[in-house]
Amino acid sequence: MLFKDKYERAKKWQLEQKEKEEAKHPANYDISPEDIIEKGDMLAMMISGVLTILPIVTILLLIIVLVAMAFMRIL
C-alpha cells in the first residue's frame, strides 16, 4: 500500500475516538422513544398514521365488498 503508515495511524486514531465516545456513553443505556421525541410528537405521529392508512383500508374494503356483491349477483 502506498500510504500504509497514514492508513494505520488513521485506523488507530478512529479506534481511540470510538473508545472515548463509548466511555462517555455506556452501551448498557437503552434509548427509548420518549428520549428522542418531544411532547406532542407521539399524538401527531398517530394522527398522521391514521390519516395515511384509513383511506387505503377504506378503498380496499370497498373493493372487497363490491367483488363479493358481484359474485352474489346483488350488484
C-alpha atoms as a PDB file:
ATOM      1  CA  MET A   1       0.000   0.000   0.000  1.00  0.00           C
ATOM      2  CA  LEU A   2       1.259   3.427  -0.909  1.00  0.00           C
ATOM      3  CA  PHE A   3       0.192   5.209   2.290  1.00  0.00           C
ATOM      4  CA  LYS A   4       0.247   2.296   4.704  1.00  0.00           C
ATOM      5  CA  ASP A   5       1.625   4.296   7.658  1.00  0.00           C
ATOM      6  CA  LYS A   6      -1.001   7.010   7.259  1.00  0.00           C
ATOM      7  CA  TYR A   7      -3.696   4.375   6.971  1.00  0.00           C
ATOM      8  CA  GLU A   8      -2.574   2.624  10.143  1.00  0.00           C
ATOM      9  CA  ARG A   9      -2.409   5.906  12.078  1.00  0.00           C
ATOM     10  CA  ALA A  10      -5.872   6.911  10.888  1.00  0.00           C
ATOM     11  CA  LYS A  11      -7.245   3.497  11.819  1.00  0.00           C
ATOM     12  CA  LYS A  12      -5.648   3.719  15.276  1.00  0.00           C
ATOM     13  CA  TRP A  13      -6.977   7.270  15.767  1.00  0.00           C
ATOM     14  CA  GLN A  14     -10.509   6.207  14.823  1.00  0.00           C
ATOM     15  CA  LEU A  15     -10.345   3.315  17.268  1.00  0.00           C
ATOM     16  CA  GLU A  16      -9.212   5.676  20.031  1.00  0.00           C
ATOM     17  CA  GLN A  17     -12.027   8.119  19.230  1.00  0.00           C
ATOM     18  CA  LYS A  18     -14.546   5.300  19.285  1.00  0.00           C
ATOM     19  CA  GLU A  19     -13.279   4.124  22.679  1.00  0.00           C
ATOM     20  CA  LYS A  20     -13.506   7.678  24.052  1.00  0.00           C
ATOM     21  CA  GLU A  21     -17.064   8.003  22.772  1.00  0.00           C
ATOM     22  CA  GLU A  22     -18.061   4.665  24.291  1.00  0.00           C
ATOM     23  CA  ALA A  23     -16.565   5.743  27.615  1.00  0.00           C
ATOM     24  CA  LYS A  24     -18.761   8.868  27.581  1.00  0.00           C
ATOM     25  CA  HIS A  25     -21.943   6.966  26.729  1.00  0.00           C
ATOM     26  CA  PRO A  26     -22.141   3.495  28.261  1.00  0.00           C
ATOM     27  CA  ALA A  27     -23.507   0.782  25.988  1.00  0.00           C
ATOM     28  CA  ASN A  28     -25.991  -0.520  28.553  1.00  0.00           C
ATOM     29  CA  TYR A  29     -28.123   2.621  28.288  1.00  0.00           C
ATOM     30  CA  ASP A  30     -31.207   1.834  26.211  1.00  0.00           C
ATOM     31  CA  ILE A  31     -32.719   4.742  24.327  1.00  0.00           C
ATOM     32  CA  SER A  32     -36.487   4.758  24.442  1.00  0.00           C
ATOM     33  CA  PRO A  33     -38.750   6.711  22.080  1.00  0.00           C
ATOM     34  CA  GLU A  34     -39.528   9.114  24.929  1.00  0.00           C
ATOM     35  CA  ASP A  35     -35.865  10.158  24.983  1.00  0.00           C
ATOM     36  CA  ILE A  36     -35.952  11.202  21.331  1.00  0.00           C
ATOM     37  CA  ILE A  37     -39.392  12.657  20.626  1.00  0.00           C
ATOM     38  CA  GLU A  38     -40.956  15.793  22.045  1.00  0.00           C
ATOM     39  CA  LYS A  39     -44.200  16.118  23.967  1.00  0.00           C
ATOM     40  CA  GLY A  40     -46.740  16.370  21.112  1.00  0.00           C
ATOM     41  CA  ASP A  41     -44.880  14.254  18.583  1.00  0.00           C
ATOM     42  CA  MET A  42     -46.465  10.912  19.523  1.00  0.00           C
ATOM     43  CA  LEU A  43     -50.012  12.236  19.036  1.00  0.00           C
ATOM     44  CA  ALA A  44     -49.021  13.826  15.731  1.00  0.00           C
ATOM     45  CA  MET A  45     -47.475  10.565  14.516  1.00  0.00           C
ATOM     46  CA  MET A  46     -50.577   8.587  15.479  1.00  0.00           C
ATOM     47  CA  ILE A  47     -52.900  11.044  13.715  1.00  0.00           C
ATOM     48  CA  SER A  48     -50.772  11.077  10.573  1.00  0.00           C
ATOM     49  CA  GLY A  49     -50.635   7.279  10.594  1.00  0.00           C
ATOM     50  CA  VAL A  50     -54.419   7.034  10.800  1.00  0.00           C
ATOM     51  CA  LEU A  51     -54.858   9.639   8.067  1.00  0.00           C
ATOM     52  CA  THR A  52     -52.449   7.709   5.857  1.00  0.00           C
ATOM     53  CA  ILE A  53     -53.766   4.198   6.429  1.00  0.00           C
ATOM     54  CA  LEU A  54     -57.517   4.852   6.782  1.00  0.00           C
ATOM     55  CA  PRO A  55     -58.214   5.902   3.146  1.00  0.00           C
ATOM     56  CA  ILE A  56     -56.247   2.933   1.791  1.00  0.00           C
ATOM     57  CA  VAL A  57     -58.060   0.454   4.034  1.00  0.00           C
ATOM     58  CA  THR A  58     -61.428   2.017   3.174  1.00  0.00           C
ATOM     59  CA  ILE A  59     -60.787   1.675  -0.557  1.00  0.00           C
ATOM     60  CA  LEU A  60     -59.604  -1.931  -0.159  1.00  0.00           C
ATOM     61  CA  LEU A  61     -62.667  -2.858   1.893  1.00  0.00           C
ATOM     62  CA  LEU A  62     -64.947  -1.200  -0.662  1.00  0.00           C
ATOM     63  CA  ILE A  63     -63.320  -3.216  -3.453  1.00  0.00           C
ATOM     64  CA  ILE A  64     -63.724  -6.443  -1.479  1.00  0.00           C
ATOM     65  CA  VAL A  65     -67.406  -5.704  -0.812  1.00  0.00           C
ATOM     66  CA  LEU A  66     -68.067  -4.847  -4.474  1.00  0.00           C
ATOM     67  CA  VAL A  67     -66.360  -8.058  -5.635  1.00  0.00           C
ATOM     68  CA  ALA A  68     -68.396 -10.091  -3.142  1.00  0.00           C
ATOM     69  CA  MET A  69     -71.610  -8.385  -4.278  1.00  0.00           C
ATOM     70  CA  ALA A  70     -70.753  -9.094  -7.914  1.00  0.00           C
ATOM     71  CA  PHE A  71     -70.278 -12.780  -7.164  1.00  0.00           C
ATOM     72  CA  MET A  72     -73.561 -12.905  -5.289  1.00  0.00           C
ATOM     73  CA  ARG A  73     -75.237 -11.054  -8.206  1.00  0.00           C
ATOM     74  CA  ILE A  74     -76.604  -8.355  -5.945  1.00  0.00           C
ATOM     75  CA  LEU A  75     -74.962  -5.554  -7.845  1.00  0.00           C
END
